């Protein structure tokens, strides 16, 4: 929002005191900020008309708000020449400043940032893959191995040329990293009971978080 040469009172041009100022809203969909920008030498209002002026913002619920210290005082009419110091960076600016519109003490992360944080916090796959044992060599061996259970019928996969496959997974995830894997085998055809090693019919390794 930009106000260019705005009169002190909209219906009165007796003194022709005009001011130019700007409020810029910035957001990435998660975090939001507002920049208050005042043209150098552009604030020409005074208290001659006995009007009070304030600078700041307030949320609809009025739970979060900001008001410049000079609001309703004579100095507020010279805000275009006022020097501001950022609380975090200690950068000094004149005539403009930026304020956060975010809930205090609540992280403002985009979905992309959350995803990257999760990725960076995940252990190296080599660590949890090393916890897994090799799949049983055949479907018959998997059926007899008490460490494995057959997945439900809804999760059964179909192999190439319509050959069905049976898949088995560990009953319990590994203790340290919570890793598990799925081992799949041809149910019929010339490769009956053979381990499926190529996608898309092959099983997968994963971990529970």
N, C-alpha and C. Protein backbone atom coordinates (compact mmCIF):
# COMPACT_ATOMS: atom_id res chain seq x y z
N UNK A 1 0.85 -1.17 0.00
CA UNK A 1 0.00 0.00 0.00
C UNK A 1 0.89 1.24 0.00
N UNK A 2 0.68 2.14 -0.96
CA UNK A 2 1.47 3.35 -1.07
C UNK A 2 0.56 4.56 -1.06
N UNK A 3 0.87 5.51 -0.17
CA UNK A 3 0.15 6.77 -0.13
C UNK A 3 1.05 7.88 -0.63
N UNK A 4 0.66 8.55 -1.73
CA UNK A 4 1.48 9.59 -2.33
C UNK A 4 0.82 10.95 -2.13
N UNK A 5 1.53 11.84 -1.47
CA UNK A 5 1.05 13.21 -1.21
C UNK A 5 -0.36 13.19 -0.61
N UNK A 6 -0.48 12.49 0.49
CA UNK A 6 -1.77 12.38 1.18
C UNK A 6 -1.96 13.58 2.10
N UNK A 7 -3.16 14.18 2.01
CA UNK A 7 -3.46 15.33 2.87
C UNK A 7 -3.64 14.88 4.30
N UNK A 8 -3.38 15.80 5.23
CA UNK A 8 -3.50 15.50 6.65
C UNK A 8 -4.94 15.14 7.00
N UNK A 9 -5.89 15.87 6.44
CA UNK A 9 -7.31 15.58 6.61
C UNK A 9 -7.91 15.51 5.22
N UNK A 10 -8.57 14.40 4.93
CA UNK A 10 -9.00 14.15 3.57
C UNK A 10 -9.91 15.23 3.02
N UNK A 11 -10.70 15.82 3.87
CA UNK A 11 -11.69 16.79 3.37
C UNK A 11 -11.22 18.22 3.53
N UNK A 12 -9.99 18.40 3.96
CA UNK A 12 -9.51 19.77 4.20
C UNK A 12 -8.18 19.99 3.52
N UNK A 13 -8.06 20.97 2.66
CA UNK A 13 -6.81 21.30 1.98
C UNK A 13 -6.34 22.71 2.35
N UNK A 14 -6.71 23.16 3.57
CA UNK A 14 -6.39 24.52 4.00
C UNK A 14 -4.90 24.76 4.06
N UNK A 15 -4.14 23.80 4.56
CA UNK A 15 -2.70 24.02 4.74
C UNK A 15 -1.87 23.23 3.72
N UNK A 16 -2.53 22.39 2.94
CA UNK A 16 -1.85 21.61 1.90
C UNK A 16 -0.63 20.86 2.43
N UNK A 17 -0.78 20.29 3.62
CA UNK A 17 0.30 19.50 4.20
C UNK A 17 0.16 18.06 3.71
N UNK A 18 1.10 17.64 2.88
CA UNK A 18 1.02 16.34 2.24
C UNK A 18 2.18 15.45 2.67
N UNK A 19 1.88 14.14 2.75
CA UNK A 19 2.90 13.18 3.15
C UNK A 19 2.87 11.97 2.22
N UNK A 20 4.03 11.34 2.04
CA UNK A 20 4.15 10.15 1.21
C UNK A 20 4.75 9.02 2.06
N UNK A 21 4.09 7.88 2.05
CA UNK A 21 4.55 6.76 2.87
C UNK A 21 4.09 5.45 2.22
N UNK A 22 4.59 4.34 2.74
CA UNK A 22 4.32 3.04 2.11
C UNK A 22 4.38 1.93 3.15
N UNK A 23 3.47 0.96 3.00
CA UNK A 23 3.50 -0.26 3.81
C UNK A 23 3.55 -1.44 2.85
N UNK A 24 4.56 -2.29 3.02
CA UNK A 24 4.76 -3.43 2.12
C UNK A 24 4.59 -4.73 2.90
N UNK A 25 3.64 -5.56 2.48
CA UNK A 25 3.42 -6.86 3.10
C UNK A 25 4.20 -7.92 2.32
N UNK A 26 4.97 -8.74 3.04
CA UNK A 26 5.81 -9.77 2.41
C UNK A 26 5.50 -11.11 3.08
N UNK A 27 5.25 -12.13 2.27
CA UNK A 27 4.98 -13.46 2.83
C UNK A 27 5.40 -14.53 1.84
N UNK A 28 5.81 -15.69 2.37
CA UNK A 28 6.08 -16.85 1.54
C UNK A 28 5.00 -17.91 1.74
N UNK A 29 3.90 -17.50 2.35
CA UNK A 29 2.80 -18.41 2.64
C UNK A 29 2.85 -18.98 4.04
N UNK A 30 3.99 -18.81 4.70
CA UNK A 30 4.15 -19.30 6.07
C UNK A 30 4.56 -18.17 7.01
N UNK A 31 5.64 -17.49 6.67
CA UNK A 31 6.11 -16.35 7.46
C UNK A 31 5.69 -15.05 6.78
N UNK A 32 5.36 -14.03 7.58
CA UNK A 32 4.90 -12.75 7.04
C UNK A 32 5.60 -11.59 7.75
N UNK A 33 5.86 -10.54 6.97
CA UNK A 33 6.53 -9.36 7.51
C UNK A 33 5.91 -8.12 6.87
N UNK A 34 6.09 -6.98 7.52
CA UNK A 34 5.63 -5.72 6.98
C UNK A 34 6.77 -4.71 7.05
N UNK A 35 6.96 -3.99 5.96
CA UNK A 35 7.97 -2.93 5.90
C UNK A 35 7.25 -1.59 5.91
N UNK A 36 7.63 -0.74 6.84
CA UNK A 36 7.13 0.62 6.89
C UNK A 36 8.19 1.51 6.22
N UNK A 37 7.79 2.21 5.18
CA UNK A 37 8.74 3.00 4.40
C UNK A 37 8.24 4.44 4.28
N UNK A 38 9.08 5.39 4.70
CA UNK A 38 8.69 6.81 4.67
C UNK A 38 9.69 7.58 3.82
N UNK A 39 9.18 8.28 2.82
CA UNK A 39 10.03 9.05 1.91
C UNK A 39 10.81 10.11 2.68
N UNK A 40 12.11 10.17 2.41
CA UNK A 40 12.95 11.15 3.07
C UNK A 40 12.47 12.56 2.74
N UNK A 41 12.05 13.27 3.75
CA UNK A 41 11.50 14.61 3.54
C UNK A 41 10.06 14.61 3.06
N UNK A 42 9.46 13.42 3.03
CA UNK A 42 8.11 13.33 2.49
C UNK A 42 7.01 13.43 3.53
N UNK A 43 7.36 13.40 4.83
CA UNK A 43 6.35 13.52 5.87
C UNK A 43 6.23 14.99 6.30
N UNK A 44 5.15 15.62 5.86
CA UNK A 44 4.98 17.06 6.09
C UNK A 44 3.80 17.40 6.98
N UNK A 45 3.20 16.39 7.58
CA UNK A 45 2.11 16.67 8.50
C UNK A 45 2.68 17.28 9.79
N UNK A 46 1.87 18.09 10.43
CA UNK A 46 2.24 18.63 11.74
C UNK A 46 1.01 18.54 12.63
N UNK A 47 1.15 18.98 13.86
CA UNK A 47 0.02 18.96 14.78
C UNK A 47 -0.76 20.27 14.74
N UNK A 48 -0.54 21.05 13.68
CA UNK A 48 -1.24 22.34 13.58
C UNK A 48 -2.75 22.14 13.62
N UNK A 49 -3.21 21.06 12.99
CA UNK A 49 -4.65 20.81 12.97
C UNK A 49 -5.11 19.98 14.16
N UNK A 50 -4.21 19.85 15.14
CA UNK A 50 -4.53 19.14 16.39
C UNK A 50 -4.99 17.70 16.11
N UNK A 51 -4.29 17.08 15.19
CA UNK A 51 -4.56 15.68 14.88
C UNK A 51 -3.46 14.82 15.48
N UNK A 52 -3.82 13.63 15.95
CA UNK A 52 -2.85 12.71 16.50
C UNK A 52 -2.54 11.63 15.47
N UNK A 53 -1.31 11.16 15.51
CA UNK A 53 -0.87 10.19 14.52
C UNK A 53 -0.13 9.05 15.22
N UNK A 54 -0.37 7.82 14.76
CA UNK A 54 0.31 6.65 15.32
C UNK A 54 0.84 5.79 14.18
N UNK A 55 1.91 5.06 14.46
CA UNK A 55 2.53 4.16 13.49
C UNK A 55 2.61 2.77 14.12
N UNK A 56 2.11 1.76 13.40
CA UNK A 56 2.18 0.41 13.93
C UNK A 56 1.18 -0.50 13.26
N UNK A 57 0.88 -1.61 13.90
CA UNK A 57 -0.09 -2.55 13.37
C UNK A 57 -0.71 -3.32 14.53
N UNK A 58 -1.83 -3.96 14.26
CA UNK A 58 -2.50 -4.80 15.25
C UNK A 58 -3.25 -5.90 14.52
N UNK A 59 -3.20 -7.12 15.05
CA UNK A 59 -3.96 -8.20 14.46
C UNK A 59 -5.44 -8.02 14.77
N UNK A 60 -6.28 -8.73 14.04
CA UNK A 60 -7.72 -8.59 14.23
C UNK A 60 -8.13 -8.92 15.66
N UNK A 61 -7.47 -9.93 16.23
CA UNK A 61 -7.77 -10.32 17.61
C UNK A 61 -7.09 -9.41 18.64
N UNK A 62 -6.19 -8.53 18.14
CA UNK A 62 -5.42 -7.62 18.98
C UNK A 62 -4.47 -8.37 19.93
N UNK A 63 -4.24 -9.64 19.61
CA UNK A 63 -3.33 -10.43 20.45
C UNK A 63 -1.88 -10.02 20.21
N UNK A 64 -1.57 -9.68 18.95
CA UNK A 64 -0.22 -9.26 18.60
C UNK A 64 -0.29 -7.88 17.97
N UNK A 65 0.56 -7.00 18.40
CA UNK A 65 0.53 -5.64 17.89
C UNK A 65 1.89 -4.97 18.07
N UNK A 66 2.07 -3.89 17.36
CA UNK A 66 3.28 -3.07 17.50
C UNK A 66 2.88 -1.61 17.35
N UNK A 67 3.50 -0.76 18.14
CA UNK A 67 3.26 0.68 18.05
C UNK A 67 4.58 1.40 18.29
N UNK A 68 4.93 2.28 17.36
CA UNK A 68 6.18 3.02 17.50
C UNK A 68 6.15 3.89 18.76
N UNK A 69 7.30 4.00 19.40
CA UNK A 69 7.38 4.73 20.67
C UNK A 69 6.98 6.19 20.54
N UNK A 70 7.14 6.75 19.35
CA UNK A 70 6.81 8.17 19.17
C UNK A 70 5.36 8.41 18.76
N UNK A 71 4.58 7.35 18.71
CA UNK A 71 3.18 7.52 18.32
C UNK A 71 2.47 8.50 19.25
N UNK A 72 1.61 9.37 18.65
CA UNK A 72 0.82 10.39 19.33
C UNK A 72 1.69 11.51 19.91
N UNK A 73 2.98 11.51 19.56
CA UNK A 73 3.88 12.57 19.99
C UNK A 73 4.30 13.39 18.78
N UNK A 74 4.92 14.56 19.04
CA UNK A 74 5.33 15.46 17.96
C UNK A 74 6.36 14.80 17.04
N UNK A 75 7.24 13.96 17.62
CA UNK A 75 8.30 13.35 16.81
C UNK A 75 7.79 12.38 15.76
N UNK A 76 6.57 11.88 15.92
CA UNK A 76 6.04 10.93 14.95
C UNK A 76 5.91 11.55 13.57
N UNK A 77 5.79 12.88 13.52
CA UNK A 77 5.65 13.58 12.24
C UNK A 77 7.00 13.72 11.54
N UNK A 78 8.07 13.30 12.20
CA UNK A 78 9.41 13.33 11.59
C UNK A 78 9.96 11.91 11.46
N UNK A 79 9.09 10.94 11.33
CA UNK A 79 9.52 9.54 11.26
C UNK A 79 10.33 9.26 10.00
N UNK A 80 10.16 10.12 8.98
CA UNK A 80 10.94 9.92 7.75
C UNK A 80 12.43 10.14 7.96
N UNK A 81 12.81 10.85 9.01
CA UNK A 81 14.22 11.09 9.31
C UNK A 81 14.68 10.34 10.55
N UNK A 82 13.81 9.50 11.10
CA UNK A 82 14.14 8.76 12.31
C UNK A 82 15.04 7.57 11.97
N UNK A 83 16.00 7.30 12.84
CA UNK A 83 16.91 6.17 12.64
C UNK A 83 16.43 4.98 13.44
N UNK A 84 16.33 3.82 12.76
CA UNK A 84 15.88 2.59 13.39
C UNK A 84 17.04 1.60 13.46
N UNK A 85 17.07 0.80 14.53
CA UNK A 85 18.10 -0.21 14.71
C UNK A 85 17.43 -1.57 14.84
N UNK A 86 17.78 -2.50 13.94
CA UNK A 86 17.21 -3.83 13.99
C UNK A 86 17.67 -4.57 15.24
N UNK A 87 16.72 -5.21 15.93
CA UNK A 87 17.03 -5.87 17.20
C UNK A 87 18.00 -7.04 17.03
N UNK A 88 17.93 -7.73 15.89
CA UNK A 88 18.76 -8.92 15.69
C UNK A 88 20.08 -8.60 15.01
N UNK A 89 20.02 -7.91 13.87
CA UNK A 89 21.23 -7.66 13.09
C UNK A 89 21.96 -6.39 13.51
N UNK A 90 21.28 -5.53 14.25
CA UNK A 90 21.82 -4.22 14.68
C UNK A 90 22.08 -3.30 13.49
N UNK A 91 21.45 -3.60 12.35
CA UNK A 91 21.58 -2.73 11.18
C UNK A 91 20.76 -1.47 11.40
N UNK A 92 21.36 -0.34 11.04
CA UNK A 92 20.68 0.95 11.21
C UNK A 92 20.08 1.40 9.88
N UNK A 93 18.86 1.86 9.91
CA UNK A 93 18.18 2.37 8.73
C UNK A 93 17.51 3.70 9.08
N UNK A 94 17.26 4.50 8.07
CA UNK A 94 16.61 5.79 8.28
C UNK A 94 15.34 5.87 7.46
N UNK A 95 14.23 6.09 8.15
CA UNK A 95 12.97 6.29 7.45
C UNK A 95 12.23 5.01 7.08
N UNK A 96 12.79 3.87 7.38
CA UNK A 96 12.05 2.63 7.12
C UNK A 96 12.51 1.54 8.08
N UNK A 97 11.60 0.60 8.35
CA UNK A 97 11.92 -0.51 9.24
C UNK A 97 11.00 -1.67 8.92
N UNK A 98 11.39 -2.85 9.37
CA UNK A 98 10.65 -4.09 9.08
C UNK A 98 10.24 -4.74 10.39
N UNK A 99 9.01 -5.27 10.43
CA UNK A 99 8.50 -5.94 11.62
C UNK A 99 7.90 -7.30 11.23
N UNK A 100 8.09 -8.27 12.11
CA UNK A 100 7.52 -9.59 11.89
C UNK A 100 6.05 -9.62 12.27
N UNK A 101 5.25 -10.30 11.47
CA UNK A 101 3.82 -10.47 11.76
C UNK A 101 3.53 -11.90 12.25
N UNK A 102 4.59 -12.61 12.62
CA UNK A 102 4.44 -14.02 12.98
C UNK A 102 4.22 -14.18 14.48
N UNK A 103 3.61 -15.29 14.85
CA UNK A 103 3.37 -15.59 16.25
C UNK A 103 4.71 -15.74 16.97
N UNK A 104 4.92 -15.01 18.06
CA UNK A 104 6.20 -15.08 18.76
C UNK A 104 6.52 -16.50 19.23
N UNK A 105 7.82 -16.85 19.13
CA UNK A 105 8.35 -18.12 19.64
C UNK A 105 7.79 -19.35 18.93
N UNK A 106 7.18 -19.15 17.78
CA UNK A 106 6.68 -20.28 16.99
C UNK A 106 7.45 -20.33 15.68
N UNK A 107 8.17 -21.44 15.38
CA UNK A 107 8.96 -21.53 14.15
C UNK A 107 8.08 -21.35 12.91
N UNK A 108 8.57 -20.59 11.97
CA UNK A 108 7.84 -20.36 10.72
C UNK A 108 8.60 -21.05 9.60
N UNK A 109 8.30 -22.32 9.38
CA UNK A 109 8.98 -23.11 8.38
C UNK A 109 8.04 -23.47 7.24
N UNK A 110 8.53 -23.36 6.04
CA UNK A 110 7.75 -23.80 4.89
C UNK A 110 7.79 -25.33 4.84
N UNK A 111 6.90 -25.92 4.04
CA UNK A 111 6.90 -27.37 3.89
C UNK A 111 8.22 -27.87 3.31
N UNK A 112 8.82 -27.06 2.43
CA UNK A 112 10.11 -27.43 1.86
C UNK A 112 11.19 -27.44 2.94
N UNK A 113 11.17 -26.43 3.82
CA UNK A 113 12.15 -26.39 4.91
C UNK A 113 11.96 -27.55 5.88
N UNK A 114 10.70 -27.88 6.17
CA UNK A 114 10.43 -29.01 7.05
C UNK A 114 10.95 -30.30 6.44
N UNK A 115 10.77 -30.44 5.14
CA UNK A 115 11.24 -31.64 4.45
C UNK A 115 12.76 -31.72 4.50
N UNK A 116 13.43 -30.60 4.26
CA UNK A 116 14.89 -30.58 4.28
C UNK A 116 15.42 -30.85 5.68
N UNK A 117 14.74 -30.31 6.70
CA UNK A 117 15.16 -30.58 8.08
C UNK A 117 15.06 -32.06 8.40
N UNK A 118 13.95 -32.66 7.95
CA UNK A 118 13.78 -34.10 8.17
C UNK A 118 14.87 -34.87 7.44
N UNK A 119 15.16 -34.50 6.22
CA UNK A 119 16.19 -35.19 5.43
C UNK A 119 17.56 -35.09 6.11
N UNK A 120 17.90 -33.90 6.58
CA UNK A 120 19.20 -33.69 7.20
C UNK A 120 19.33 -34.40 8.55
N UNK A 121 18.20 -34.62 9.21
CA UNK A 121 18.23 -35.28 10.52
C UNK A 121 18.22 -36.81 10.41
N UNK A 122 17.89 -37.32 9.23
CA UNK A 122 17.84 -38.76 9.04
C UNK A 122 19.25 -39.36 9.07
N UNK A 123 19.41 -40.54 9.65
CA UNK A 123 20.72 -41.19 9.65
C UNK A 123 21.11 -41.65 8.25
N UNK A 124 22.38 -41.83 8.05
CA UNK A 124 22.88 -42.32 6.77
C UNK A 124 22.24 -43.69 6.49
N UNK A 125 21.64 -43.88 5.31
CA UNK A 125 21.01 -45.18 5.01
C UNK A 125 21.96 -46.37 5.17
N UNK A 126 23.25 -46.14 4.96
CA UNK A 126 24.19 -47.26 5.11
C UNK A 126 24.16 -47.83 6.53
N UNK A 127 23.88 -46.96 7.52
CA UNK A 127 23.87 -47.41 8.91
C UNK A 127 22.71 -48.39 9.15
N UNK A 128 21.48 -47.97 8.75
CA UNK A 128 20.34 -48.83 9.07
C UNK A 128 20.19 -49.99 8.09
N UNK A 129 20.73 -49.86 6.87
CA UNK A 129 20.70 -51.00 5.95
C UNK A 129 21.62 -52.12 6.44
N UNK A 130 22.69 -51.72 7.15
CA UNK A 130 23.63 -52.72 7.66
C UNK A 130 22.98 -53.57 8.76
N UNK A 131 21.90 -53.05 9.38
CA UNK A 131 21.21 -53.82 10.42
C UNK A 131 20.35 -54.95 9.85
N UNK A 132 20.02 -54.86 8.59
CA UNK A 132 19.11 -55.83 7.98
C UNK A 132 19.85 -57.08 7.51
N UNK A 133 19.24 -58.20 7.73
CA UNK A 133 19.79 -59.45 7.21
C UNK A 133 19.37 -59.64 5.76
N UNK A 134 20.01 -60.55 5.07
CA UNK A 134 19.63 -60.85 3.68
C UNK A 134 18.26 -61.54 3.66
N UNK A 135 17.53 -61.33 2.57
CA UNK A 135 16.24 -62.01 2.41
C UNK A 135 16.46 -63.52 2.27
N UNK A 136 15.52 -64.32 2.70
CA UNK A 136 15.59 -65.77 2.46
C UNK A 136 15.74 -66.03 0.96
N UNK A 137 16.44 -67.09 0.61
CA UNK A 137 16.77 -67.34 -0.79
C UNK A 137 15.57 -67.68 -1.65
N UNK A 138 14.51 -68.27 -1.05
CA UNK A 138 13.36 -68.68 -1.85
C UNK A 138 12.06 -68.43 -1.07
N UNK A 139 10.94 -68.54 -1.82
CA UNK A 139 9.64 -68.35 -1.17
C UNK A 139 9.42 -69.43 -0.12
N UNK A 140 9.84 -70.64 -0.39
CA UNK A 140 9.69 -71.72 0.58
C UNK A 140 10.46 -71.40 1.86
N UNK A 141 11.67 -70.87 1.70
CA UNK A 141 12.48 -70.53 2.87
C UNK A 141 11.84 -69.38 3.66
N UNK A 142 11.25 -68.42 2.95
CA UNK A 142 10.61 -67.28 3.62
C UNK A 142 9.39 -67.75 4.42
N UNK A 143 8.65 -68.71 3.86
CA UNK A 143 7.46 -69.23 4.55
C UNK A 143 7.84 -69.94 5.83
N UNK A 144 9.03 -70.55 5.87
CA UNK A 144 9.46 -71.30 7.04
C UNK A 144 10.24 -70.45 8.04
N UNK A 145 10.59 -69.26 7.65
CA UNK A 145 11.40 -68.39 8.51
C UNK A 145 10.48 -67.64 9.47
N UNK A 146 10.59 -67.91 10.76
CA UNK A 146 9.70 -67.30 11.75
C UNK A 146 9.92 -65.80 11.91
N UNK A 147 10.98 -65.27 11.34
CA UNK A 147 11.22 -63.82 11.44
C UNK A 147 10.33 -63.03 10.48
N UNK A 148 9.73 -63.74 9.51
CA UNK A 148 8.98 -63.05 8.47
C UNK A 148 7.48 -63.38 8.54
N UNK A 149 6.72 -62.47 8.01
CA UNK A 149 5.28 -62.68 7.87
C UNK A 149 4.87 -62.28 6.45
N UNK A 150 3.85 -62.95 5.96
CA UNK A 150 3.36 -62.63 4.63
C UNK A 150 2.50 -61.38 4.68
N UNK A 151 2.68 -60.51 3.72
CA UNK A 151 1.89 -59.28 3.71
C UNK A 151 0.46 -59.61 3.31
N UNK A 152 -0.45 -58.70 3.59
CA UNK A 152 -1.86 -58.93 3.29
C UNK A 152 -2.08 -59.02 1.78
N UNK A 153 -3.20 -59.58 1.41
CA UNK A 153 -3.49 -59.80 0.00
C UNK A 153 -3.56 -58.49 -0.78
N UNK A 154 -3.92 -57.44 -0.12
CA UNK A 154 -4.02 -56.14 -0.79
C UNK A 154 -2.66 -55.61 -1.20
N UNK A 155 -1.62 -56.07 -0.52
CA UNK A 155 -0.28 -55.58 -0.81
C UNK A 155 0.51 -56.50 -1.73
N UNK A 156 -0.13 -57.57 -2.21
CA UNK A 156 0.55 -58.47 -3.13
C UNK A 156 0.79 -57.77 -4.46
N UNK A 157 1.90 -58.10 -5.06
CA UNK A 157 2.25 -57.45 -6.31
C UNK A 157 2.12 -58.42 -7.47
N UNK A 158 1.96 -57.88 -8.66
CA UNK A 158 1.93 -58.70 -9.87
C UNK A 158 3.23 -58.52 -10.63
N UNK A 159 3.86 -59.61 -10.99
CA UNK A 159 5.12 -59.54 -11.70
C UNK A 159 4.91 -59.41 -13.20
N UNK A 160 5.99 -59.54 -13.93
CA UNK A 160 5.92 -59.43 -15.39
C UNK A 160 5.07 -60.56 -15.97
N UNK A 161 4.44 -60.28 -17.08
CA UNK A 161 3.58 -61.24 -17.80
C UNK A 161 2.46 -61.78 -16.92
N UNK A 162 2.03 -60.99 -15.95
CA UNK A 162 0.92 -61.38 -15.11
C UNK A 162 1.25 -62.37 -14.03
N UNK A 163 2.53 -62.75 -13.87
CA UNK A 163 2.92 -63.68 -12.82
C UNK A 163 2.77 -63.02 -11.46
N UNK A 164 2.08 -63.68 -10.57
CA UNK A 164 1.89 -63.11 -9.25
C UNK A 164 3.11 -63.32 -8.39
N UNK A 165 3.27 -62.43 -7.41
CA UNK A 165 4.38 -62.55 -6.48
C UNK A 165 3.84 -62.52 -5.06
N UNK A 166 4.52 -63.21 -4.18
CA UNK A 166 4.21 -63.16 -2.75
C UNK A 166 5.33 -62.39 -2.07
N UNK A 167 4.94 -61.51 -1.16
CA UNK A 167 5.94 -60.71 -0.46
C UNK A 167 5.86 -60.96 1.04
N UNK A 168 7.01 -60.98 1.66
CA UNK A 168 7.13 -61.20 3.10
C UNK A 168 7.95 -60.06 3.69
N UNK A 169 7.60 -59.68 4.92
CA UNK A 169 8.37 -58.64 5.59
C UNK A 169 8.70 -59.09 7.01
N UNK A 170 9.68 -58.45 7.61
CA UNK A 170 10.07 -58.78 8.98
C UNK A 170 8.91 -58.50 9.93
N UNK A 171 8.74 -59.38 10.89
CA UNK A 171 7.68 -59.16 11.89
C UNK A 171 8.01 -57.99 12.79
N UNK A 172 9.28 -57.80 13.07
CA UNK A 172 9.69 -56.72 13.97
C UNK A 172 10.82 -55.92 13.33
N UNK A 173 10.76 -54.62 13.47
CA UNK A 173 11.81 -53.75 12.96
C UNK A 173 13.08 -53.92 13.80
N UNK A 174 14.20 -53.51 13.26
CA UNK A 174 15.47 -53.61 13.99
C UNK A 174 15.46 -52.69 15.20
N UNK A 175 16.25 -53.01 16.20
CA UNK A 175 16.19 -52.30 17.49
C UNK A 175 16.74 -50.89 17.43
N UNK A 176 17.86 -50.70 16.76
CA UNK A 176 18.54 -49.40 16.80
C UNK A 176 17.88 -48.38 15.89
N UNK A 177 17.68 -48.72 14.63
CA UNK A 177 17.19 -47.75 13.66
C UNK A 177 15.74 -47.99 13.24
N UNK A 178 15.11 -49.04 13.72
CA UNK A 178 13.73 -49.30 13.33
C UNK A 178 13.58 -49.65 11.86
N UNK A 179 14.57 -50.36 11.32
CA UNK A 179 14.56 -50.69 9.89
C UNK A 179 13.83 -52.01 9.63
N UNK A 180 13.35 -52.15 8.42
CA UNK A 180 12.69 -53.38 8.00
C UNK A 180 12.84 -53.51 6.48
N UNK A 181 12.44 -54.64 5.94
CA UNK A 181 12.46 -54.79 4.49
C UNK A 181 11.42 -55.81 4.06
N UNK A 182 11.16 -55.78 2.78
CA UNK A 182 10.16 -56.63 2.15
C UNK A 182 10.87 -57.52 1.13
N UNK A 183 10.60 -58.81 1.18
CA UNK A 183 11.23 -59.77 0.27
C UNK A 183 10.14 -60.41 -0.59
N UNK A 184 10.29 -60.35 -1.88
CA UNK A 184 9.24 -60.83 -2.78
C UNK A 184 9.73 -62.00 -3.64
N UNK A 185 8.77 -62.90 -3.96
CA UNK A 185 9.10 -64.13 -4.69
C UNK A 185 7.99 -64.42 -5.70
N UNK A 186 8.38 -65.02 -6.82
CA UNK A 186 7.39 -65.42 -7.81
C UNK A 186 6.57 -66.58 -7.25
N UNK A 187 5.25 -66.48 -7.44
CA UNK A 187 4.36 -67.50 -6.90
C UNK A 187 4.17 -68.67 -7.87
N UNK A 188 4.31 -68.40 -9.15
CA UNK A 188 4.12 -69.45 -10.15
C UNK A 188 4.97 -69.18 -11.37
N UNK A 189 4.72 -69.95 -12.42
CA UNK A 189 5.47 -69.78 -13.66
C UNK A 189 6.82 -70.45 -13.62
N UNK A 190 7.64 -70.21 -14.64
CA UNK A 190 8.96 -70.87 -14.72
C UNK A 190 9.90 -70.48 -13.58
N UNK A 191 9.66 -69.33 -12.97
CA UNK A 191 10.52 -68.86 -11.87
C UNK A 191 9.86 -69.06 -10.51
N UNK A 192 9.01 -70.01 -10.43
CA UNK A 192 8.27 -70.24 -9.19
C UNK A 192 9.20 -70.35 -7.98
N UNK A 193 8.82 -69.64 -6.92
CA UNK A 193 9.53 -69.61 -5.64
C UNK A 193 10.84 -68.81 -5.69
N UNK A 194 11.24 -68.32 -6.86
CA UNK A 194 12.52 -67.60 -6.97
C UNK A 194 12.40 -66.18 -6.40
N UNK A 195 13.50 -65.71 -5.89
CA UNK A 195 13.56 -64.35 -5.33
C UNK A 195 13.48 -63.32 -6.45
N UNK A 196 12.65 -62.30 -6.26
CA UNK A 196 12.50 -61.22 -7.24
C UNK A 196 13.50 -60.12 -6.91
N UNK A 197 14.42 -59.87 -7.80
CA UNK A 197 15.50 -58.91 -7.53
C UNK A 197 15.40 -57.62 -8.31
N UNK A 198 14.50 -57.54 -9.28
CA UNK A 198 14.43 -56.35 -10.12
C UNK A 198 13.09 -55.66 -9.97
N UNK A 199 13.09 -54.33 -9.99
CA UNK A 199 11.84 -53.58 -9.92
C UNK A 199 11.05 -53.75 -11.21
N UNK A 200 9.76 -53.52 -11.23
CA UNK A 200 8.97 -52.99 -10.09
C UNK A 200 8.44 -54.05 -9.14
N UNK A 201 8.70 -55.34 -9.43
CA UNK A 201 8.14 -56.40 -8.61
C UNK A 201 8.93 -56.63 -7.31
N UNK A 202 10.18 -56.20 -7.28
CA UNK A 202 11.05 -56.48 -6.14
C UNK A 202 10.54 -55.78 -4.89
N UNK A 203 11.02 -56.28 -3.74
CA UNK A 203 10.66 -55.67 -2.46
C UNK A 203 11.43 -54.39 -2.22
N UNK A 204 11.39 -53.90 -1.00
CA UNK A 204 12.01 -52.61 -0.65
C UNK A 204 12.50 -52.64 0.79
N UNK A 205 13.38 -51.72 1.09
CA UNK A 205 13.87 -51.53 2.45
C UNK A 205 13.38 -50.19 2.95
N UNK A 206 13.08 -50.09 4.23
CA UNK A 206 12.53 -48.86 4.80
C UNK A 206 12.76 -48.86 6.30
N UNK A 207 12.49 -47.74 6.92
CA UNK A 207 12.59 -47.66 8.37
C UNK A 207 11.41 -46.88 8.92
N UNK A 208 11.02 -47.18 10.16
CA UNK A 208 9.90 -46.54 10.82
C UNK A 208 10.42 -45.38 11.66
N UNK A 209 9.77 -44.24 11.54
CA UNK A 209 10.18 -43.06 12.31
C UNK A 209 8.99 -42.54 13.09
